[in-house]
């Protein structure tokens, strides 16, 4: 959807909020007359891929971390944590995976807690936390095994209303993830073979990674509802998410995640861009995976002029400060289209 000239001019002339400062509540007197609609949140570009993912993890994560099919870029988590929290704050990831959010939180002097469904990744996340502690990080952090859709029954009561920031990502599309061996690497037969591209047991229908699109959105709404309960008033939720193509049609998952947050009683405040490409003098240098490059090549051969993905969206939501603003968030109407 084209960006309107009025929005561009408003962004050019509106003073930007300094990093680390709180976003004003839409219902407070100093806020705008109307709450921001889903397509009108402030925009920001996070320059988060100036070194490779391997370089960002080197020496800070155990080797088993690379096998996760949907690793969050450490610099993305670190940017969100540095921007929306202060030292000593509590950071939470309800789908912690290999523990990227937790490691970046404690390295930044924040406390951290996470929930992870798959037992293997619980073990890997704990190993990453131990590695961080071996570097001298003594900040409180823990990983809780379980289904994040049951958050009210999983987390200890001490965390309720204490979380300053949630950083997470939904498990979307196994075709976007994984690693590969080719004839030039270690392929035994000279053919391309995909590996580390699935979540756990594919027959486990309790895993959100193995369910259909609508069930994924319903489950993620339950997770965000649980997050709202552990967030402190004014606390933020940063969700890294990107669209994907299904039969050459673009599925706007970021907008659907905003709708999930709205249904959970959260207020959308920003929709940012986290770069997955390096900024060079002449433009962006994409870091596309083998699968992305292969997909783009095949689509172009069919006449569809697609390009490599250079960023992912970061949807930022917030728990309302007051009960009255909570009613604005939950009331629906025309404020935030679902």
C-alpha atoms as a PDB file:
ATOM      1  CA  UNK A   1       0.000   0.000   0.000  1.00  0.00           C
ATOM      2  CA  UNK A   2       1.552   3.364  -0.976  1.00  0.00           C
ATOM      3  CA  UNK A   3       2.547   5.697   1.854  1.00  0.00           C
ATOM      4  CA  UNK A   4       0.602   8.939   1.654  1.00  0.00           C
ATOM      5  CA  UNK A   5       2.449  12.206   1.073  1.00  0.00           C
ATOM      6  CA  UNK A   6       0.771  13.670   4.171  1.00  0.00           C
ATOM      7  CA  UNK A   7       2.237  10.902   6.332  1.00  0.00           C
ATOM      8  CA  UNK A   8       5.721  11.390   4.877  1.00  0.00           C
ATOM      9  CA  UNK A   9       5.584  15.135   5.505  1.00  0.00           C
ATOM     10  CA  UNK A  10       4.327  14.562   9.057  1.00  0.00           C
ATOM     11  CA  UNK A  11       7.229  12.195   9.748  1.00  0.00           C
ATOM     12  CA  UNK A  12       9.705  14.710   8.335  1.00  0.00           C
ATOM     13  CA  UNK A  13       8.459  17.507  10.566  1.00  0.00           C
ATOM     14  CA  UNK A  14       7.553  15.659  13.786  1.00  0.00           C
ATOM     15  CA  UNK A  15      10.335  15.531  16.438  1.00  0.00           C
ATOM     16  CA  UNK A  16      11.434  11.952  17.039  1.00  0.00           C
ATOM     17  CA  UNK A  17      11.120  10.414  20.509  1.00  0.00           C
ATOM     18  CA  UNK A  18      14.558   9.813  22.080  1.00  0.00           C
ATOM     19  CA  UNK A  19      15.494   6.201  22.716  1.00  0.00           C
ATOM     20  CA  UNK A  20      14.446   4.906  26.109  1.00  0.00           C
ATOM     21  CA  UNK A  21      11.668   7.455  26.692  1.00  0.00           C
ATOM     22  CA  UNK A  22       8.118   6.340  27.272  1.00  0.00           C
ATOM     23  CA  UNK A  23       5.399   6.627  24.663  1.00  0.00           C
ATOM     24  CA  UNK A  24       2.552   8.865  25.856  1.00  0.00           C
ATOM     25  CA  UNK A  25      -0.800   7.244  26.478  1.00  0.00           C
ATOM     26  CA  UNK A  26      -3.389   8.001  23.754  1.00  0.00           C
ATOM     27  CA  UNK A  27      -5.971   8.991  26.383  1.00  0.00           C
ATOM     28  CA  UNK A  28      -3.746  11.486  28.209  1.00  0.00           C
ATOM     29  CA  UNK A  29      -4.245  15.225  27.600  1.00  0.00           C
ATOM     30  CA  UNK A  30      -0.857  15.680  25.941  1.00  0.00           C
ATOM     31  CA  UNK A  31      -1.516  12.969  23.356  1.00  0.00           C
ATOM     32  CA  UNK A  32      -3.109  13.400  19.958  1.00  0.00           C
ATOM     33  CA  UNK A  33      -6.832  14.057  19.825  1.00  0.00           C
ATOM     34  CA  UNK A  34      -7.487  10.607  18.350  1.00  0.00           C
ATOM     35  CA  UNK A  35      -5.683   7.301  19.069  1.00  0.00           C
ATOM     36  CA  UNK A  36      -3.441   6.106  16.253  1.00  0.00           C
ATOM     37  CA  UNK A  37      -5.075   3.748  13.825  1.00  0.00           C
ATOM     38  CA  UNK A  38      -3.403   0.453  12.898  1.00  0.00           C
ATOM     39  CA  UNK A  39      -1.934   1.916   9.701  1.00  0.00           C
ATOM     40  CA  UNK A  40      -0.808   5.196  11.265  1.00  0.00           C
ATOM     41  CA  UNK A  41       1.743   4.219  13.915  1.00  0.00           C
ATOM     42  CA  UNK A  42       5.064   6.093  13.984  1.00  0.00           C
ATOM     43  CA  UNK A  43       7.667   4.494  11.741  1.00  0.00           C
ATOM     44  CA  UNK A  44      11.299   3.722  12.526  1.00  0.00           C
ATOM     45  CA  UNK A  45      14.148   1.811  10.870  1.00  0.00           C
ATOM     46  CA  UNK A  46      16.334  -0.359  13.108  1.00  0.00           C
ATOM     47  CA  UNK A  47      19.803  -0.852  11.590  1.00  0.00           C
ATOM     48  CA  UNK A  48      20.239  -4.330  13.022  1.00  0.00           C
ATOM     49  CA  UNK A  49      22.087  -6.457  10.446  1.00  0.00           C
ATOM     50  CA  UNK A  50      25.404  -4.680   9.974  1.00  0.00           C
ATOM     51  CA  UNK A  51      27.254  -7.847  10.974  1.00  0.00           C
ATOM     52  CA  UNK A  52      26.216 -11.358   9.975  1.00  0.00           C
ATOM     53  CA  UNK A  53      23.986 -13.457  12.250  1.00  0.00           C
ATOM     54  CA  UNK A  54      26.914 -15.821  12.882  1.00  0.00           C
ATOM     55  CA  UNK A  55      29.119 -12.925  13.977  1.00  0.00           C
ATOM     56  CA  UNK A  56      26.400 -11.650  16.317  1.00  0.00           C
ATOM     57  CA  UNK A  57      26.177 -15.047  18.046  1.00  0.00           C
ATOM     58  CA  UNK A  58      29.879 -15.990  18.042  1.00  0.00           C
ATOM     59  CA  UNK A  59      31.124 -16.748  21.543  1.00  0.00           C
ATOM     60  CA  UNK A  60      27.810 -15.749  23.110  1.00  0.00           C
ATOM     61  CA  UNK A  61      25.599 -18.724  22.230  1.00  0.00           C
ATOM     62  CA  UNK A  62      26.180 -22.479  22.367  1.00  0.00           C
ATOM     63  CA  UNK A  63      26.637 -24.267  19.053  1.00  0.00           C
ATOM     64  CA  UNK A  64      23.253 -26.045  19.288  1.00  0.00           C
ATOM     65  CA  UNK A  65      21.511 -22.660  18.977  1.00  0.00           C
ATOM     66  CA  UNK A  66      22.154 -22.561  15.221  1.00  0.00           C
ATOM     67  CA  UNK A  67      19.824 -25.540  14.690  1.00  0.00           C
ATOM     68  CA  UNK A  68      16.705 -23.588  15.689  1.00  0.00           C
ATOM     69  CA  UNK A  69      14.526 -23.077  12.576  1.00  0.00           C
ATOM     70  CA  UNK A  70      13.448 -19.529  13.500  1.00  0.00           C
ATOM     71  CA  UNK A  71      16.248 -17.780  15.347  1.00  0.00           C
ATOM     72  CA  UNK A  72      15.647 -14.140  16.197  1.00  0.00           C
ATOM     73  CA  UNK A  73      18.516 -11.876  15.177  1.00  0.00           C
ATOM     74  CA  UNK A  74      20.326 -10.945  18.423  1.00  0.00           C
ATOM     75  CA  UNK A  75      20.697  -7.316  17.323  1.00  0.00           C
ATOM     76  CA  UNK A  76      16.915  -7.008  16.881  1.00  0.00           C
ATOM     77  CA  UNK A  77      16.252  -8.186  20.435  1.00  0.00           C
ATOM     78  CA  UNK A  78      19.092  -6.017  21.767  1.00  0.00           C
ATOM     79  CA  UNK A  79      17.723  -2.913  20.023  1.00  0.00           C
ATOM     80  CA  UNK A  80      14.226  -3.424  21.419  1.00  0.00           C
ATOM     81  CA  UNK A  81      15.579  -4.023  24.919  1.00  0.00           C
ATOM     82  CA  UNK A  82      17.795  -0.944  24.809  1.00  0.00           C
ATOM     83  CA  UNK A  83      15.004   1.246  23.450  1.00  0.00           C
ATOM     84  CA  UNK A  84      12.044   0.250  25.638  1.00  0.00           C
ATOM     85  CA  UNK A  85      13.629  -0.697  28.983  1.00  0.00           C
ATOM     86  CA  UNK A  86      16.077   0.507  31.605  1.00  0.00           C
ATOM     87  CA  UNK A  87      18.713  -1.498  33.521  1.00  0.00           C
ATOM     88  CA  UNK A  88      17.072  -3.726  36.117  1.00  0.00           C
ATOM     89  CA  UNK A  89      13.766  -3.969  34.217  1.00  0.00           C
ATOM     90  CA  UNK A  90      12.174  -7.350  33.550  1.00  0.00           C
ATOM     91  CA  UNK A  91      12.080  -8.680  29.958  1.00  0.00           C
ATOM     92  CA  UNK A  92       9.866 -11.623  28.953  1.00  0.00           C
ATOM     93  CA  UNK A  93       9.664 -13.934  25.924  1.00  0.00           C
ATOM     94  CA  UNK A  94       6.660 -16.317  25.884  1.00  0.00           C
ATOM     95  CA  UNK A  95       8.122 -18.294  22.939  1.00  0.00           C
ATOM     96  CA  UNK A  96      11.750 -18.192  23.953  1.00  0.00           C
ATOM     97  CA  UNK A  97      13.211 -20.784  21.574  1.00  0.00           C
ATOM     98  CA  UNK A  98      16.973 -20.960  22.073  1.00  0.00           C
ATOM     99  CA  UNK A  99      16.847 -17.996  24.453  1.00  0.00           C
ATOM    100  CA  UNK A 100      17.997 -15.068  22.294  1.00  0.00           C
ATOM    101  CA  UNK A 101      15.769 -12.536  24.063  1.00  0.00           C
ATOM    102  CA  UNK A 102      16.913 -13.734  27.477  1.00  0.00           C
ATOM    103  CA  UNK A 103      20.617 -13.615  26.629  1.00  0.00           C
ATOM    104  CA  UNK A 104      20.389 -10.127  25.132  1.00  0.00           C
ATOM    105  CA  UNK A 105      18.395  -8.956  28.158  1.00  0.00           C
ATOM    106  CA  UNK A 106      20.864 -10.087  30.798  1.00  0.00           C
ATOM    107  CA  UNK A 107      23.830  -8.881  28.734  1.00  0.00           C
ATOM    108  CA  UNK A 108      22.150  -5.462  28.841  1.00  0.00           C
ATOM    109  CA  UNK A 109      21.724  -5.617  32.625  1.00  0.00           C
ATOM    110  CA  UNK A 110      18.031  -6.504  32.600  1.00  0.00           C
ATOM    111  CA  UNK A 111      16.286  -9.388  34.339  1.00  0.00           C
ATOM    112  CA  UNK A 112      14.745 -12.008  32.085  1.00  0.00           C
ATOM    113  CA  UNK A 113      12.209 -14.814  32.043  1.00  0.00           C
ATOM    114  CA  UNK A 114      11.008 -16.979  29.173  1.00  0.00           C
ATOM    115  CA  UNK A 115       8.566 -19.788  28.383  1.00  0.00           C
ATOM    116  CA  UNK A 116       9.351 -22.477  25.800  1.00  0.00           C
ATOM    117  CA  UNK A 117       7.163 -25.346  24.592  1.00  0.00           C
ATOM    118  CA  UNK A 118       9.756 -27.771  23.206  1.00  0.00           C
ATOM    119  CA  UNK A 119      11.917 -29.515  25.865  1.00  0.00           C
ATOM    120  CA  UNK A 120      15.000 -29.549  23.626  1.00  0.00           C
ATOM    121  CA  UNK A 121      14.984 -25.781  23.249  1.00  0.00           C
ATOM    122  CA  UNK A 122      14.404 -25.352  26.973  1.00  0.00           C
ATOM    123  CA  UNK A 123      17.724 -27.174  27.475  1.00  0.00           C
ATOM    124  CA  UNK A 124      19.479 -25.059  24.830  1.00  0.00           C
ATOM    125  CA  UNK A 125      18.127 -21.821  26.306  1.00  0.00           C
ATOM    126  CA  UNK A 126      19.365 -22.857  29.749  1.00  0.00           C
ATOM    127  CA  UNK A 127      22.784 -23.640  28.265  1.00  0.00           C
ATOM    128  CA  UNK A 128      22.875 -20.158  26.714  1.00  0.00           C
ATOM    129  CA  UNK A 129      21.971 -18.597  30.058  1.00  0.00           C
ATOM    130  CA  UNK A 130      24.769 -20.558  31.724  1.00  0.00           C
ATOM    131  CA  UNK A 131      27.189 -19.348  29.057  1.00  0.00           C
ATOM    132  CA  UNK A 132      26.102 -15.772  29.752  1.00  0.00           C
ATOM    133  CA  UNK A 133      26.653 -16.287  33.470  1.00  0.00           C
ATOM    134  CA  UNK A 134      30.125 -17.652  32.683  1.00  0.00           C
ATOM    135  CA  UNK A 135      30.840 -14.274  31.058  1.00  0.00           C
ATOM    136  CA  UNK A 136      30.091 -12.677  34.411  1.00  0.00           C
ATOM    137  CA  UNK A 137      26.410 -11.836  33.971  1.00  0.00           C
ATOM    138  CA  UNK A 138      24.799 -12.389  37.373  1.00  0.00           C
ATOM    139  CA  UNK A 139      21.389 -10.918  36.542  1.00  0.00           C
ATOM    140  CA  UNK A 140      18.314 -13.019  37.413  1.00  0.00           C
ATOM    141  CA  UNK A 141      17.057 -15.093  34.470  1.00  0.00           C
ATOM    142  CA  UNK A 142      15.087 -18.310  34.049  1.00  0.00           C
ATOM    143  CA  UNK A 143      13.355 -20.392  31.403  1.00  0.00           C
ATOM    144  CA  UNK A 144      10.028 -22.066  32.227  1.00  0.00           C
ATOM    145  CA  UNK A 145       8.921 -25.131  30.198  1.00  0.00           C
ATOM    146  CA  UNK A 146       5.310 -25.137  29.010  1.00  0.00           C
ATOM    147  CA  UNK A 147       2.702 -23.897  26.546  1.00  0.00           C
ATOM    148  CA  UNK A 148       2.584 -20.086  26.428  1.00  0.00           C
ATOM    149  CA  UNK A 149      -1.170 -20.264  25.800  1.00  0.00           C
ATOM    150  CA  UNK A 150      -1.418 -21.231  29.470  1.00  0.00           C
ATOM    151  CA  UNK A 151       0.589 -18.267  30.792  1.00  0.00           C
ATOM    152  CA  UNK A 152      -1.692 -17.510  33.763  1.00  0.00           C
ATOM    153  CA  UNK A 153      -0.924 -21.003  35.122  1.00  0.00           C
ATOM    154  CA  UNK A 154       2.762 -21.154  34.132  1.00  0.00           C
ATOM    155  CA  UNK A 155       4.550 -18.111  35.500  1.00  0.00           C
ATOM    156  CA  UNK A 156       5.036 -17.532  39.237  1.00  0.00           C
ATOM    157  CA  UNK A 157       2.824 -14.844  40.740  1.00  0.00           C
ATOM    158  CA  UNK A 158       5.864 -12.646  41.381  1.00  0.00           C
ATOM    159  CA  UNK A 159       6.002 -11.785  37.667  1.00  0.00           C
ATOM    160  CA  UNK A 160       2.403 -10.601  37.359  1.00  0.00           C
ATOM    161  CA  UNK A 161       2.302  -6.926  36.402  1.00  0.00           C
ATOM    162  CA  UNK A 162       6.119  -6.636  36.559  1.00  0.00           C
ATOM    163  CA  UNK A 163       7.267  -7.101  32.938  1.00  0.00           C
ATOM    164  CA  UNK A 164       8.521  -3.945  31.221  1.00  0.00           C
ATOM    165  CA  UNK A 165       8.948  -5.485  27.761  1.00  0.00           C
ATOM    166  CA  UNK A 166       7.898  -8.615  25.882  1.00  0.00           C
ATOM    167  CA  UNK A 167      10.061  -9.533  22.884  1.00  0.00           C
ATOM    168  CA  UNK A 168       8.916 -12.496  20.800  1.00  0.00           C
ATOM    169  CA  UNK A 169       8.040 -13.816  17.345  1.00  0.00           C
ATOM    170  CA  UNK A 170       5.317 -16.196  16.121  1.00  0.00           C
ATOM    171  CA  UNK A 171       6.307 -19.532  14.525  1.00  0.00           C
ATOM    172  CA  UNK A 172       5.403 -18.769  10.934  1.00  0.00           C
ATOM    173  CA  UNK A 173       6.214 -20.738   7.810  1.00  0.00           C
ATOM    174  CA  UNK A 174       8.839 -23.512   7.951  1.00  0.00           C
ATOM    175  CA  UNK A 175       9.711 -22.635   4.345  1.00  0.00           C
ATOM    176  CA  UNK A 176      11.330 -19.438   5.625  1.00  0.00           C
ATOM    177  CA  UNK A 177      13.786 -21.235   7.883  1.00  0.00           C
ATOM    178  CA  UNK A 178      16.383 -23.945   7.937  1.00  0.00           C
ATOM    179  CA  UNK A 179      19.840 -24.723   6.625  1.00  0.00           C
ATOM    180  CA  UNK A 180      21.084 -26.453   3.514  1.00  0.00           C
ATOM    181  CA  UNK A 181      23.935 -28.574   2.138  1.00  0.00           C
ATOM    182  CA  UNK A 182      24.823 -28.416  -1.549  1.00  0.00           C
ATOM    183  CA  UNK A 183      27.356 -29.965  -3.917  1.00  0.00           C
ATOM    184  CA  UNK A 184      29.869 -27.302  -2.883  1.00  0.00           C
ATOM    185  CA  UNK A 185      29.461 -28.030   0.842  1.00  0.00           C
ATOM    186  CA  UNK A 186      28.838 -31.470   2.342  1.00  0.00           C
ATOM    187  CA  UNK A 187      26.085 -33.007   0.215  1.00  0.00           C
ATOM    188  CA  UNK A 188      26.810 -36.774  -0.085  1.00  0.00           C
ATOM    189  CA  UNK A 189      25.101 -37.104  -3.472  1.00  0.00           C
ATOM    190  CA  UNK A 190      25.703 -33.664  -4.959  1.00  0.00           C
ATOM    191  CA  UNK A 191      22.072 -32.642  -4.457  1.00  0.00           C
ATOM    192  CA  UNK A 192      20.536 -29.946  -2.298  1.00  0.00           C
ATOM    193  CA  UNK A 193      19.329 -31.181   1.093  1.00  0.00           C
ATOM    194  CA  UNK A 194      17.412 -29.161   3.662  1.00  0.00           C
ATOM    195  CA  UNK A 195      17.857 -29.640   7.408  1.00  0.00           C
ATOM    196  CA  UNK A 196      16.983 -27.920  10.700  1.00  0.00           C
ATOM    197  CA  UNK A 197      13.862 -26.602   8.985  1.00  0.00           C
ATOM    198  CA  UNK A 198      11.138 -28.106  11.198  1.00  0.00           C
ATOM    199  CA  UNK A 199       9.875 -27.471  14.707  1.00  0.00           C
ATOM    200  CA  UNK A 200       9.968 -30.580  16.923  1.00  0.00           C
ATOM    201  CA  UNK A 201       7.530 -33.371  16.111  1.00  0.00           C
ATOM    202  CA  UNK A 202       5.444 -32.472  13.059  1.00  0.00           C
ATOM    203  CA  UNK A 203       2.607 -34.638  14.426  1.00  0.00           C
ATOM    204  CA  UNK A 204       2.348 -32.596  17.631  1.00  0.00           C
ATOM    205  CA  UNK A 205      -0.792 -30.506  17.034  1.00  0.00           C
ATOM    206  CA  UNK A 206      -0.275 -28.755  20.350  1.00  0.00           C
ATOM    207  CA  UNK A 207       2.688 -26.948  18.812  1.00  0.00           C
ATOM    208  CA  UNK A 208       1.594 -23.681  17.188  1.00  0.00           C
ATOM    209  CA  UNK A 209       4.187 -24.241  14.475  1.00  0.00           C
ATOM    210  CA  UNK A 210       2.204 -27.238  13.224  1.00  0.00           C
ATOM    211  CA  UNK A 211      -1.307 -25.761  13.034  1.00  0.00           C
ATOM    212  CA  UNK A 212      -3.166 -23.856  10.356  1.00  0.00           C
ATOM    213  CA  UNK A 213      -3.066 -20.105   9.894  1.00  0.00           C
ATOM    214  CA  UNK A 214      -6.317 -19.328  11.726  1.00  0.00           C
ATOM    215  CA  UNK A 215      -5.441 -21.521  14.702  1.00  0.00           C
ATOM    216  CA  UNK A 216      -2.039 -19.853  14.829  1.00  0.00           C
ATOM    217  CA  UNK A 217      -3.668 -16.418  15.088  1.00  0.00           C
ATOM    218  CA  UNK A 218      -6.129 -17.633  17.732  1.00  0.00           C
ATOM    219  CA  UNK A 219      -3.319 -19.175  19.764  1.00  0.00           C
ATOM    220  CA  UNK A 220      -1.158 -16.082  19.462  1.00  0.00           C
ATOM    221  CA  UNK A 221      -4.058 -13.942  20.663  1.00  0.00           C
ATOM    222  CA  UNK A 222      -4.256 -16.116  23.794  1.00  0.00           C
ATOM    223  CA  UNK A 223      -0.523 -15.660  24.296  1.00  0.00           C
ATOM    224  CA  UNK A 224      -0.786 -11.872  23.977  1.00  0.00           C
ATOM    225  CA  UNK A 225      -3.696 -11.875  26.431  1.00  0.00           C
ATOM    226  CA  UNK A 226      -1.454 -13.675  28.928  1.00  0.00           C
ATOM    227  CA  UNK A 227       1.346 -11.189  28.206  1.00  0.00           C
ATOM    228  CA  UNK A 228      -0.998  -8.290  28.961  1.00  0.00           C
ATOM    229  CA  UNK A 229      -1.537  -9.771  32.433  1.00  0.00           C
ATOM    230  CA  UNK A 230       2.172  -9.878  33.268  1.00  0.00           C
ATOM    231  CA  UNK A 231       3.008  -6.500  31.721  1.00  0.00           C
ATOM    232  CA  UNK A 232       3.213  -3.498  33.996  1.00  0.00           C
ATOM    233  CA  UNK A 233       0.989  -0.526  33.028  1.00  0.00           C
ATOM    234  CA  UNK A 234       2.591   1.151  30.019  1.00  0.00           C
ATOM    235  CA  UNK A 235       4.782  -1.892  29.318  1.00  0.00           C
ATOM    236  CA  UNK A 236       5.557  -2.724  25.694  1.00  0.00           C
ATOM    237  CA  UNK A 237       5.361  -5.789  23.448  1.00  0.00           C
ATOM    238  CA  UNK A 238       7.754  -5.973  20.461  1.00  0.00           C
ATOM    239  CA  UNK A 239       6.904  -8.711  17.948  1.00  0.00           C
ATOM    240  CA  UNK A 240       9.204  -9.474  15.034  1.00  0.00           C
ATOM    241  CA  UNK A 241       7.141 -10.722  12.124  1.00  0.00           C
ATOM    242  CA  UNK A 242       7.186 -10.654   8.354  1.00  0.00           C
ATOM    243  CA  UNK A 243       4.686 -11.312   5.568  1.00  0.00           C
ATOM    244  CA  UNK A 244       4.996 -14.477   3.514  1.00  0.00           C
ATOM    245  CA  UNK A 245       3.779 -15.551   0.100  1.00  0.00           C
ATOM    246  CA  UNK A 246       1.265 -18.326  -0.412  1.00  0.00           C
ATOM    247  CA  UNK A 247       0.634 -19.264  -4.046  1.00  0.00           C
ATOM    248  CA  UNK A 248       2.337 -15.974  -5.008  1.00  0.00           C
ATOM    249  CA  UNK A 249      -0.079 -13.956  -2.860  1.00  0.00           C
ATOM    250  CA  UNK A 250       1.257 -11.854   0.012  1.00  0.00           C
ATOM    251  CA  UNK A 251      -0.142 -12.710   3.464  1.00  0.00           C
ATOM    252  CA  UNK A 252       0.048  -9.562   5.604  1.00  0.00           C
ATOM    253  CA  UNK A 253       0.841 -11.303   8.875  1.00  0.00           C
ATOM    254  CA  UNK A 254       2.090  -8.111  10.617  1.00  0.00           C
ATOM    255  CA  UNK A 255      -1.332  -6.459  10.276  1.00  0.00           C
ATOM    256  CA  UNK A 256      -3.006  -9.648  11.480  1.00  0.00           C
ATOM    257  CA  UNK A 257      -0.721  -9.678  14.539  1.00  0.00           C
ATOM    258  CA  UNK A 258      -1.742  -6.078  15.273  1.00  0.00           C
ATOM    259  CA  UNK A 259      -5.359  -7.270  15.216  1.00  0.00           C
ATOM    260  CA  UNK A 260      -4.438 -10.080  17.636  1.00  0.00           C
ATOM    261  CA  UNK A 261      -2.904  -7.522  19.991  1.00  0.00           C
ATOM    262  CA  UNK A 262      -5.987  -5.346  19.768  1.00  0.00           C
ATOM    263  CA  UNK A 263      -8.168  -8.342  20.672  1.00  0.00           C
ATOM    264  CA  UNK A 264      -5.896  -8.961  23.680  1.00  0.00           C
ATOM    265  CA  UNK A 265      -6.488  -5.418  24.959  1.00  0.00           C
ATOM    266  CA  UNK A 266      -3.158  -3.965  23.838  1.00  0.00           C
ATOM    267  CA  UNK A 267      -2.681  -0.630  22.056  1.00  0.00           C
ATOM    268  CA  UNK A 268      -0.616  -0.501  18.822  1.00  0.00           C
ATOM    269  CA  UNK A 269       1.962   2.290  19.052  1.00  0.00           C
ATOM    270  CA  UNK A 270       4.648   1.613  16.419  1.00  0.00           C
ATOM    271  CA  UNK A 271       5.295  -0.490  13.341  1.00  0.00           C
ATOM    272  CA  UNK A 272       9.032  -0.504  12.758  1.00  0.00           C
ATOM    273  CA  UNK A 273      11.440  -1.955  10.206  1.00  0.00           C
ATOM    274  CA  UNK A 274      14.370  -4.083  11.407  1.00  0.00           C
ATOM    275  CA  UNK A 275      16.933  -4.404   8.649  1.00  0.00           C
ATOM    276  CA  UNK A 276      18.052  -7.894   7.652  1.00  0.00           C
ATOM    277  CA  UNK A 277      20.426  -6.321   5.127  1.00  0.00           C
ATOM    278  CA  UNK A 278      23.706  -4.467   5.518  1.00  0.00           C
ATOM    279  CA  UNK A 279      23.779  -0.759   4.710  1.00  0.00           C
ATOM    280  CA  UNK A 280      26.456  -0.037   2.094  1.00  0.00           C
ATOM    281  CA  UNK A 281      27.455   3.174   0.333  1.00  0.00           C
ATOM    282  CA  UNK A 282      25.391   2.294  -2.729  1.00  0.00           C
ATOM    283  CA  UNK A 283      22.379   0.678  -1.069  1.00  0.00           C
ATOM    284  CA  UNK A 284      21.385  -2.394   0.913  1.00  0.00           C
ATOM    285  CA  UNK A 285      23.286  -5.679   0.702  1.00  0.00           C
ATOM    286  CA  UNK A 286      20.717  -8.427   1.246  1.00  0.00           C
ATOM    287  CA  UNK A 287      21.583 -11.424   3.423  1.00  0.00           C
ATOM    288  CA  UNK A 288      19.096 -13.774   1.782  1.00  0.00           C
ATOM    289  CA  UNK A 289      19.214 -17.470   2.630  1.00  0.00           C
ATOM    290  CA  UNK A 290      19.618 -20.181   0.011  1.00  0.00           C
ATOM    291  CA  UNK A 291      15.869 -20.841   0.139  1.00  0.00           C
ATOM    292  CA  UNK A 292      14.965 -17.184  -0.331  1.00  0.00           C
ATOM    293  CA  UNK A 293      17.318 -16.797  -3.298  1.00  0.00           C
ATOM    294  CA  UNK A 294      16.031 -20.013  -4.861  1.00  0.00           C
ATOM    295  CA  UNK A 295      12.401 -18.952  -4.336  1.00  0.00           C
ATOM    296  CA  UNK A 296      12.986 -15.501  -5.858  1.00  0.00           C
ATOM    297  CA  UNK A 297      14.785 -17.015  -8.867  1.00  0.00           C
ATOM    298  CA  UNK A 298      11.907 -19.404  -9.557  1.00  0.00           C
ATOM    299  CA  UNK A 299       9.274 -16.685  -9.161  1.00  0.00           C
ATOM    300  CA  UNK A 300      11.123 -14.390 -11.564  1.00  0.00           C
ATOM    301  CA  UNK A 301      11.334 -17.197 -14.096  1.00  0.00           C
ATOM    302  CA  UNK A 302       7.524 -17.357 -13.865  1.00  0.00           C
ATOM    303  CA  UNK A 303       7.272 -13.615 -14.499  1.00  0.00           C
ATOM    304  CA  UNK A 304       6.676 -12.404 -10.941  1.00  0.00           C
ATOM    305  CA  UNK A 305       9.212  -9.594 -10.222  1.00  0.00           C
ATOM    306  CA  UNK A 306       9.944 -10.310  -6.550  1.00  0.00           C
ATOM    307  CA  UNK A 307      12.982  -9.172  -4.575  1.00  0.00           C
ATOM    308  CA  UNK A 308      14.939 -10.586  -1.650  1.00  0.00           C
ATOM    309  CA  UNK A 309      13.592  -9.676   1.775  1.00  0.00           C
ATOM    310  CA  UNK A 310      15.722  -6.906   3.306  1.00  0.00           C
ATOM    311  CA  UNK A 311      13.801  -6.353   6.534  1.00  0.00           C
ATOM    312  CA  UNK A 312      11.195  -7.694   8.883  1.00  0.00           C
ATOM    313  CA  UNK A 313       8.447  -5.763  10.602  1.00  0.00           C
ATOM    314  CA  UNK A 314       8.541  -5.097  14.324  1.00  0.00           C
ATOM    315  CA  UNK A 315       5.024  -4.536  15.654  1.00  0.00           C
ATOM    316  CA  UNK A 316       5.117  -2.617  18.942  1.00  0.00           C
ATOM    317  CA  UNK A 317       2.101  -2.742  21.259  1.00  0.00           C
ATOM    318  CA  UNK A 318       1.578  -1.351  24.736  1.00  0.00           C
ATOM    319  CA  UNK A 319      -0.494  -2.157  27.790  1.00  0.00           C
ATOM    320  CA  UNK A 320      -2.729   0.862  28.542  1.00  0.00           C
ATOM    321  CA  UNK A 321      -1.786   3.000  31.530  1.00  0.00           C
ATOM    322  CA  UNK A 322      -5.315   3.323  32.891  1.00  0.00           C
ATOM    323  CA  UNK A 323      -8.611   1.439  32.905  1.00  0.00           C
ATOM    324  CA  UNK A 324     -10.186   4.099  30.718  1.00  0.00           C
ATOM    325  CA  UNK A 325      -7.547   3.650  28.035  1.00  0.00           C
ATOM    326  CA  UNK A 326      -7.992  -0.121  28.313  1.00  0.00           C
ATOM    327  CA  UNK A 327     -11.617   0.370  27.340  1.00  0.00           C
ATOM    328  CA  UNK A 328     -10.468   2.322  24.273  1.00  0.00           C
ATOM    329  CA  UNK A 329      -8.208  -0.595  23.309  1.00  0.00           C
ATOM    330  CA  UNK A 330     -10.802  -3.279  23.937  1.00  0.00           C
ATOM    331  CA  UNK A 331     -13.810  -1.382  22.633  1.00  0.00           C
ATOM    332  CA  UNK A 332     -12.978  -1.908  18.974  1.00  0.00           C
ATOM    333  CA  UNK A 333     -15.220   0.374  16.982  1.00  0.00           C
ATOM    334  CA  UNK A 334     -13.269   2.195  14.291  1.00  0.00           C
ATOM    335  CA  UNK A 335     -10.195   3.038  16.371  1.00  0.00           C
ATOM    336  CA  UNK A 336      -8.098   0.006  15.350  1.00  0.00           C
ATOM    337  CA  UNK A 337      -9.495  -2.038  12.448  1.00  0.00           C
ATOM    338  CA  UNK A 338      -9.432  -5.787  12.987  1.00  0.00           C
END
